[in-house]
Amino acid sequence: MQIFNILDADEINEFENPPQFSYPQRKAFFEITIDLKAFTFSKSTPANDIGLVLQFGYFRATGRFFKVTNFNETDIVYVCRKLKLERSVFNLKNYSSSTLSRHRQLILAGLGIKRFKGKAQELVITESKHLVTKQYNPESVFKSLCDFIRSHSIEVPSYNTLAMIITKSLKEFELQLTQKINLALNSQQKIQLDELLEL
């Protein structure tokens, strides 16, 4: 299925990458809270501690997770200093995909956020179908859907996942409208309508 272009390239890039924090924001979102201390700092490696704090901060700010390769260097350096660790201890080899995945599960559980699957995903799909009936443009539907997801304590998925859901909702709604029009028109009206479309 061809996905609609809901956001432009710059907006997609912004959505798919961690936010660019100011210093006060960095200080606030990467604060080592009591909840965060409960996750780590006992039998964890320095690299894992850094990775967890970064993921936790980004998630608190946006409601979603990002690729480690997209983490902002300024944020990495800040968290390393905060934990009194050398920048060199954090790299992809030292922060494995299995640890990253486990940290994500801990963050979701600790913050009471539902993963984007099962009933949570079905709820989002239902809301998308509802939003398109209000004749919002696709970008408005996208933004409203993100707000809905966060307000219902659900993990925000990737741009492509949301774009696919919205595309399907719009196509289904378009099909429903077409079917209603076909049922409402008699044969002569359909011929006249086809003739107008050919002009």
C-alpha atoms as a PDB file:
ATOM      1  CA  MET A   1       0.000   0.000   0.000  1.00  0.00           C
ATOM      2  CA  GLN A   2       1.261   3.443  -0.950  1.00  0.00           C
ATOM      3  CA  ILE A   3       1.568   5.530   2.238  1.00  0.00           C
ATOM      4  CA  PHE A   4       0.364   9.126   2.023  1.00  0.00           C
ATOM      5  CA  ASN A   5       2.954  11.867   2.516  1.00  0.00           C
ATOM      6  CA  ILE A   6       1.579  13.220   5.776  1.00  0.00           C
ATOM      7  CA  LEU A   7       4.634  15.167   6.940  1.00  0.00           C
ATOM      8  CA  ASP A   8       7.403  16.704   4.859  1.00  0.00           C
ATOM      9  CA  ALA A   9      10.981  15.396   4.989  1.00  0.00           C
ATOM     10  CA  ASP A  10      12.131  17.881   7.655  1.00  0.00           C
ATOM     11  CA  GLU A  11       9.145  17.116   9.878  1.00  0.00           C
ATOM     12  CA  ILE A  12       9.699  13.361   9.541  1.00  0.00           C
ATOM     13  CA  ASN A  13      13.372  13.807  10.419  1.00  0.00           C
ATOM     14  CA  GLU A  14      12.425  15.836  13.495  1.00  0.00           C
ATOM     15  CA  PHE A  15       9.873  13.226  14.575  1.00  0.00           C
ATOM     16  CA  GLU A  16      12.237  10.274  14.122  1.00  0.00           C
ATOM     17  CA  ASN A  17      15.149  11.817  16.031  1.00  0.00           C
ATOM     18  CA  PRO A  18      15.617  12.778  19.687  1.00  0.00           C
ATOM     19  CA  PRO A  19      14.670  16.362  20.536  1.00  0.00           C
ATOM     20  CA  GLN A  20      17.286  19.105  20.535  1.00  0.00           C
ATOM     21  CA  PHE A  21      17.289  20.111  24.202  1.00  0.00           C
ATOM     22  CA  SER A  22      18.302  23.451  25.599  1.00  0.00           C
ATOM     23  CA  TYR A  23      20.524  23.237  28.700  1.00  0.00           C
ATOM     24  CA  PRO A  24      17.583  23.696  31.142  1.00  0.00           C
ATOM     25  CA  GLN A  25      15.610  21.002  29.284  1.00  0.00           C
ATOM     26  CA  ARG A  26      18.589  18.649  29.305  1.00  0.00           C
ATOM     27  CA  LYS A  27      18.979  19.197  33.036  1.00  0.00           C
ATOM     28  CA  ALA A  28      15.285  18.506  33.648  1.00  0.00           C
ATOM     29  CA  PHE A  29      14.771  15.458  31.424  1.00  0.00           C
ATOM     30  CA  PHE A  30      18.020  13.709  32.341  1.00  0.00           C
ATOM     31  CA  GLU A  31      17.499  14.160  36.060  1.00  0.00           C
ATOM     32  CA  ILE A  32      18.268  10.975  37.993  1.00  0.00           C
ATOM     33  CA  THR A  33      14.893  10.411  39.646  1.00  0.00           C
ATOM     34  CA  ILE A  34      14.088   7.900  42.382  1.00  0.00           C
ATOM     35  CA  ASP A  35      12.260   5.805  39.761  1.00  0.00           C
ATOM     36  CA  LEU A  36      15.328   5.777  37.565  1.00  0.00           C
ATOM     37  CA  LYS A  37      17.631   4.817  40.452  1.00  0.00           C
ATOM     38  CA  ALA A  38      15.428   1.807  41.083  1.00  0.00           C
ATOM     39  CA  PHE A  39      16.131   0.572  37.531  1.00  0.00           C
ATOM     40  CA  THR A  40      19.902   0.741  37.636  1.00  0.00           C
ATOM     41  CA  PHE A  41      23.086   1.737  39.437  1.00  0.00           C
ATOM     42  CA  SER A  42      23.308  -1.522  41.374  1.00  0.00           C
ATOM     43  CA  LYS A  43      24.541  -4.384  39.178  1.00  0.00           C
ATOM     44  CA  SER A  44      24.811  -2.431  35.950  1.00  0.00           C
ATOM     45  CA  THR A  45      27.751  -1.458  33.748  1.00  0.00           C
ATOM     46  CA  PRO A  46      28.663   2.218  33.160  1.00  0.00           C
ATOM     47  CA  ALA A  47      27.633   1.993  29.486  1.00  0.00           C
ATOM     48  CA  ASN A  48      24.239   0.559  30.452  1.00  0.00           C
ATOM     49  CA  ASP A  49      23.686   3.303  33.033  1.00  0.00           C
ATOM     50  CA  ILE A  50      24.386   5.975  30.415  1.00  0.00           C
ATOM     51  CA  GLY A  51      22.100   4.295  27.873  1.00  0.00           C
ATOM     52  CA  LEU A  52      19.274   3.955  30.346  1.00  0.00           C
ATOM     53  CA  VAL A  53      19.421   7.594  31.479  1.00  0.00           C
ATOM     54  CA  LEU A  54      19.426   8.757  27.848  1.00  0.00           C
ATOM     55  CA  GLN A  55      16.494   6.556  26.862  1.00  0.00           C
ATOM     56  CA  PHE A  56      14.563   7.526  29.982  1.00  0.00           C
ATOM     57  CA  GLY A  57      15.083  11.246  29.335  1.00  0.00           C
ATOM     58  CA  TYR A  58      14.104  11.074  25.680  1.00  0.00           C
ATOM     59  CA  PHE A  59      11.026   9.009  26.504  1.00  0.00           C
ATOM     60  CA  ARG A  60       9.885  11.401  29.217  1.00  0.00           C
ATOM     61  CA  ALA A  61      10.156  14.244  26.703  1.00  0.00           C
ATOM     62  CA  THR A  62       8.474  12.602  23.713  1.00  0.00           C
ATOM     63  CA  GLY A  63       6.706   9.405  24.729  1.00  0.00           C
ATOM     64  CA  ARG A  64       8.796   7.361  22.308  1.00  0.00           C
ATOM     65  CA  PHE A  65      12.096   5.571  21.855  1.00  0.00           C
ATOM     66  CA  PHE A  66      14.858   6.336  19.346  1.00  0.00           C
ATOM     67  CA  LYS A  67      17.715   4.481  17.680  1.00  0.00           C
ATOM     68  CA  VAL A  68      20.921   4.607  19.715  1.00  0.00           C
ATOM     69  CA  THR A  69      22.757   5.767  16.593  1.00  0.00           C
ATOM     70  CA  ASN A  70      20.564   8.888  16.631  1.00  0.00           C
ATOM     71  CA  PHE A  71      21.314   9.897  20.228  1.00  0.00           C
ATOM     72  CA  ASN A  72      22.619  13.472  20.392  1.00  0.00           C
ATOM     73  CA  GLU A  73      26.309  13.760  21.188  1.00  0.00           C
ATOM     74  CA  THR A  74      25.697  16.754  23.461  1.00  0.00           C
ATOM     75  CA  ASP A  75      23.268  14.679  25.505  1.00  0.00           C
ATOM     76  CA  ILE A  76      25.672  11.744  25.744  1.00  0.00           C
ATOM     77  CA  VAL A  77      28.445  14.009  27.021  1.00  0.00           C
ATOM     78  CA  TYR A  78      26.073  15.647  29.513  1.00  0.00           C
ATOM     79  CA  VAL A  79      24.883  12.310  30.945  1.00  0.00           C
ATOM     80  CA  CYS A  80      28.465  10.995  31.135  1.00  0.00           C
ATOM     81  CA  ARG A  81      29.490  14.040  33.166  1.00  0.00           C
ATOM     82  CA  LYS A  82      26.412  13.720  35.361  1.00  0.00           C
ATOM     83  CA  LEU A  83      27.307  10.111  36.141  1.00  0.00           C
ATOM     84  CA  LYS A  84      31.000  11.032  36.498  1.00  0.00           C
ATOM     85  CA  LEU A  85      31.972   8.681  33.678  1.00  0.00           C
ATOM     86  CA  GLU A  86      34.275   9.025  30.689  1.00  0.00           C
ATOM     87  CA  ARG A  87      32.595   9.620  27.320  1.00  0.00           C
ATOM     88  CA  SER A  88      34.554   6.709  25.858  1.00  0.00           C
ATOM     89  CA  VAL A  89      32.683   4.105  27.926  1.00  0.00           C
ATOM     90  CA  PHE A  90      29.483   4.593  25.912  1.00  0.00           C
ATOM     91  CA  ASN A  91      29.390   3.079  22.444  1.00  0.00           C
ATOM     92  CA  LEU A  92      27.209   0.665  20.512  1.00  0.00           C
ATOM     93  CA  LYS A  93      29.339  -2.353  21.394  1.00  0.00           C
ATOM     94  CA  ASN A  94      29.005  -1.645  25.114  1.00  0.00           C
ATOM     95  CA  TYR A  95      25.237  -1.037  24.958  1.00  0.00           C
ATOM     96  CA  SER A  96      23.813  -4.202  23.419  1.00  0.00           C
ATOM     97  CA  SER A  97      20.457  -4.486  21.668  1.00  0.00           C
ATOM     98  CA  SER A  98      19.234  -6.960  24.300  1.00  0.00           C
ATOM     99  CA  THR A  99      20.054  -4.493  27.105  1.00  0.00           C
ATOM    100  CA  LEU A 100      18.466  -1.637  25.161  1.00  0.00           C
ATOM    101  CA  SER A 101      15.280  -3.690  24.744  1.00  0.00           C
ATOM    102  CA  ARG A 102      15.230  -4.637  28.440  1.00  0.00           C
ATOM    103  CA  HIS A 103      15.673  -0.987  29.412  1.00  0.00           C
ATOM    104  CA  ARG A 104      12.722  -0.019  27.225  1.00  0.00           C
ATOM    105  CA  GLN A 105      10.540  -2.576  28.977  1.00  0.00           C
ATOM    106  CA  LEU A 106      11.673  -1.239  32.373  1.00  0.00           C
ATOM    107  CA  ILE A 107      10.917   2.351  31.357  1.00  0.00           C
ATOM    108  CA  LEU A 108       7.437   1.492  30.069  1.00  0.00           C
ATOM    109  CA  ALA A 109       6.632  -0.531  33.186  1.00  0.00           C
ATOM    110  CA  GLY A 110       8.080   2.086  35.522  1.00  0.00           C
ATOM    111  CA  LEU A 111       6.120   4.930  33.937  1.00  0.00           C
ATOM    112  CA  GLY A 112       2.927   2.926  33.497  1.00  0.00           C
ATOM    113  CA  ILE A 113       2.986   3.191  29.707  1.00  0.00           C
ATOM    114  CA  LYS A 114       1.443   0.514  27.473  1.00  0.00           C
ATOM    115  CA  ARG A 115       3.426  -0.871  24.541  1.00  0.00           C
ATOM    116  CA  PHE A 116       2.076  -0.088  21.103  1.00  0.00           C
ATOM    117  CA  LYS A 117       0.558  -3.478  20.389  1.00  0.00           C
ATOM    118  CA  GLY A 118      -2.585  -5.515  21.000  1.00  0.00           C
ATOM    119  CA  LYS A 119      -5.493  -3.596  22.504  1.00  0.00           C
ATOM    120  CA  ALA A 120      -3.475  -0.363  22.694  1.00  0.00           C
ATOM    121  CA  GLN A 121      -2.816  -0.510  18.959  1.00  0.00           C
ATOM    122  CA  GLU A 122      -6.463  -1.332  18.224  1.00  0.00           C
ATOM    123  CA  LEU A 123      -7.536   1.693  20.270  1.00  0.00           C
ATOM    124  CA  VAL A 124      -5.260   3.955  18.206  1.00  0.00           C
ATOM    125  CA  ILE A 125      -6.579   2.518  14.927  1.00  0.00           C
ATOM    126  CA  THR A 126     -10.156   3.152  16.082  1.00  0.00           C
ATOM    127  CA  GLU A 127      -9.288   6.753  16.989  1.00  0.00           C
ATOM    128  CA  SER A 128      -7.631   7.268  13.598  1.00  0.00           C
ATOM    129  CA  LYS A 129     -10.811   6.125  11.855  1.00  0.00           C
ATOM    130  CA  HIS A 130     -12.799   8.540  14.001  1.00  0.00           C
ATOM    131  CA  LEU A 131     -10.481  11.479  13.316  1.00  0.00           C
ATOM    132  CA  VAL A 132     -10.628  11.145   9.530  1.00  0.00           C
ATOM    133  CA  THR A 133     -14.436  11.402   9.629  1.00  0.00           C
ATOM    134  CA  LYS A 134     -14.040  14.910  11.040  1.00  0.00           C
ATOM    135  CA  GLN A 135     -12.426  15.904   7.726  1.00  0.00           C
ATOM    136  CA  TYR A 136      -9.122  16.875   9.265  1.00  0.00           C
ATOM    137  CA  ASN A 137      -6.257  17.042   6.803  1.00  0.00           C
ATOM    138  CA  PRO A 138      -3.750  14.168   7.226  1.00  0.00           C
ATOM    139  CA  GLU A 139      -1.246  16.325   9.144  1.00  0.00           C
ATOM    140  CA  SER A 140      -3.939  17.350  11.632  1.00  0.00           C
ATOM    141  CA  VAL A 141      -4.955  13.718  12.038  1.00  0.00           C
ATOM    142  CA  PHE A 142      -1.309  12.797  12.676  1.00  0.00           C
ATOM    143  CA  LYS A 143      -0.855  15.435  15.384  1.00  0.00           C
ATOM    144  CA  SER A 144      -4.197  14.673  17.022  1.00  0.00           C
ATOM    145  CA  LEU A 145      -3.412  10.972  16.988  1.00  0.00           C
ATOM    146  CA  CYS A 146      -0.047  11.559  18.700  1.00  0.00           C
ATOM    147  CA  ASP A 147      -1.809  13.627  21.380  1.00  0.00           C
ATOM    148  CA  PHE A 148      -4.379  10.858  21.822  1.00  0.00           C
ATOM    149  CA  ILE A 149      -1.666   8.204  22.178  1.00  0.00           C
ATOM    150  CA  ARG A 150       0.215  10.116  24.855  1.00  0.00           C
ATOM    151  CA  SER A 151      -2.946  11.052  26.754  1.00  0.00           C
ATOM    152  CA  HIS A 152      -3.860   7.356  26.915  1.00  0.00           C
ATOM    153  CA  SER A 153      -0.413   6.332  28.228  1.00  0.00           C
ATOM    154  CA  ILE A 154       0.582   4.424  25.113  1.00  0.00           C
ATOM    155  CA  GLU A 155       4.060   4.312  23.598  1.00  0.00           C
ATOM    156  CA  VAL A 156       4.268   6.544  20.500  1.00  0.00           C
ATOM    157  CA  PRO A 157       5.310   4.401  17.505  1.00  0.00           C
ATOM    158  CA  SER A 158       7.397   5.335  14.463  1.00  0.00           C
ATOM    159  CA  TYR A 159       6.315   7.779  11.770  1.00  0.00           C
ATOM    160  CA  ASN A 160       5.841   4.967   9.226  1.00  0.00           C
ATOM    161  CA  THR A 161       3.555   3.036  11.579  1.00  0.00           C
ATOM    162  CA  LEU A 162       1.348   6.067  12.182  1.00  0.00           C
ATOM    163  CA  ALA A 163       1.379   7.063   8.500  1.00  0.00           C
ATOM    164  CA  MET A 164       0.247   3.561   7.520  1.00  0.00           C
ATOM    165  CA  ILE A 165      -2.606   3.618  10.058  1.00  0.00           C
ATOM    166  CA  ILE A 166      -3.791   7.030   8.871  1.00  0.00           C
ATOM    167  CA  THR A 167      -3.490   6.061   5.198  1.00  0.00           C
ATOM    168  CA  LYS A 168      -5.650   2.971   5.763  1.00  0.00           C
ATOM    169  CA  SER A 169      -8.200   5.026   7.711  1.00  0.00           C
ATOM    170  CA  LEU A 170      -8.437   7.646   4.941  1.00  0.00           C
ATOM    171  CA  LYS A 171      -8.821   5.006   2.216  1.00  0.00           C
ATOM    172  CA  GLU A 172     -11.493   3.159   4.187  1.00  0.00           C
ATOM    173  CA  PHE A 173     -13.390   6.408   4.771  1.00  0.00           C
ATOM    174  CA  GLU A 174     -13.125   7.313   1.081  1.00  0.00           C
ATOM    175  CA  LEU A 175     -14.506   3.885   0.151  1.00  0.00           C
ATOM    176  CA  GLN A 176     -17.394   4.282   2.599  1.00  0.00           C
ATOM    177  CA  LEU A 177     -18.277   7.685   1.110  1.00  0.00           C
ATOM    178  CA  THR A 178     -18.167   6.270  -2.418  1.00  0.00           C
ATOM    179  CA  GLN A 179     -20.451   3.414  -1.431  1.00  0.00           C
ATOM    180  CA  LYS A 180     -22.928   5.812   0.219  1.00  0.00           C
ATOM    181  CA  ILE A 181     -22.992   8.021  -2.875  1.00  0.00           C
ATOM    182  CA  ASN A 182     -23.558   5.004  -5.138  1.00  0.00           C
ATOM    183  CA  LEU A 183     -26.460   3.852  -2.993  1.00  0.00           C
ATOM    184  CA  ALA A 184     -28.003   7.324  -2.917  1.00  0.00           C
ATOM    185  CA  LEU A 185     -27.873   7.950  -6.676  1.00  0.00           C
ATOM    186  CA  ASN A 186     -30.127   6.391  -9.289  1.00  0.00           C
ATOM    187  CA  SER A 187     -28.832   5.199 -12.657  1.00  0.00           C
ATOM    188  CA  GLN A 188     -29.564   8.480 -14.444  1.00  0.00           C
ATOM    189  CA  GLN A 189     -27.805  10.535 -11.750  1.00  0.00           C
ATOM    190  CA  LYS A 190     -24.749   8.277 -11.952  1.00  0.00           C
ATOM    191  CA  ILE A 191     -24.564   8.799 -15.725  1.00  0.00           C
ATOM    192  CA  GLN A 192     -24.836  12.567 -15.276  1.00  0.00           C
ATOM    193  CA  LEU A 193     -22.144  12.522 -12.588  1.00  0.00           C
ATOM    194  CA  ASP A 194     -19.805  10.476 -14.806  1.00  0.00           C
ATOM    195  CA  GLU A 195     -20.363  12.961 -17.622  1.00  0.00           C
ATOM    196  CA  LEU A 196     -19.457  15.863 -15.314  1.00  0.00           C
ATOM    197  CA  LEU A 197     -16.259  14.133 -14.235  1.00  0.00           C
ATOM    198  CA  GLU A 198     -15.279  13.626 -17.889  1.00  0.00           C
ATOM    199  CA  LEU A 199     -15.525  17.367 -18.661  1.00  0.00           C
END
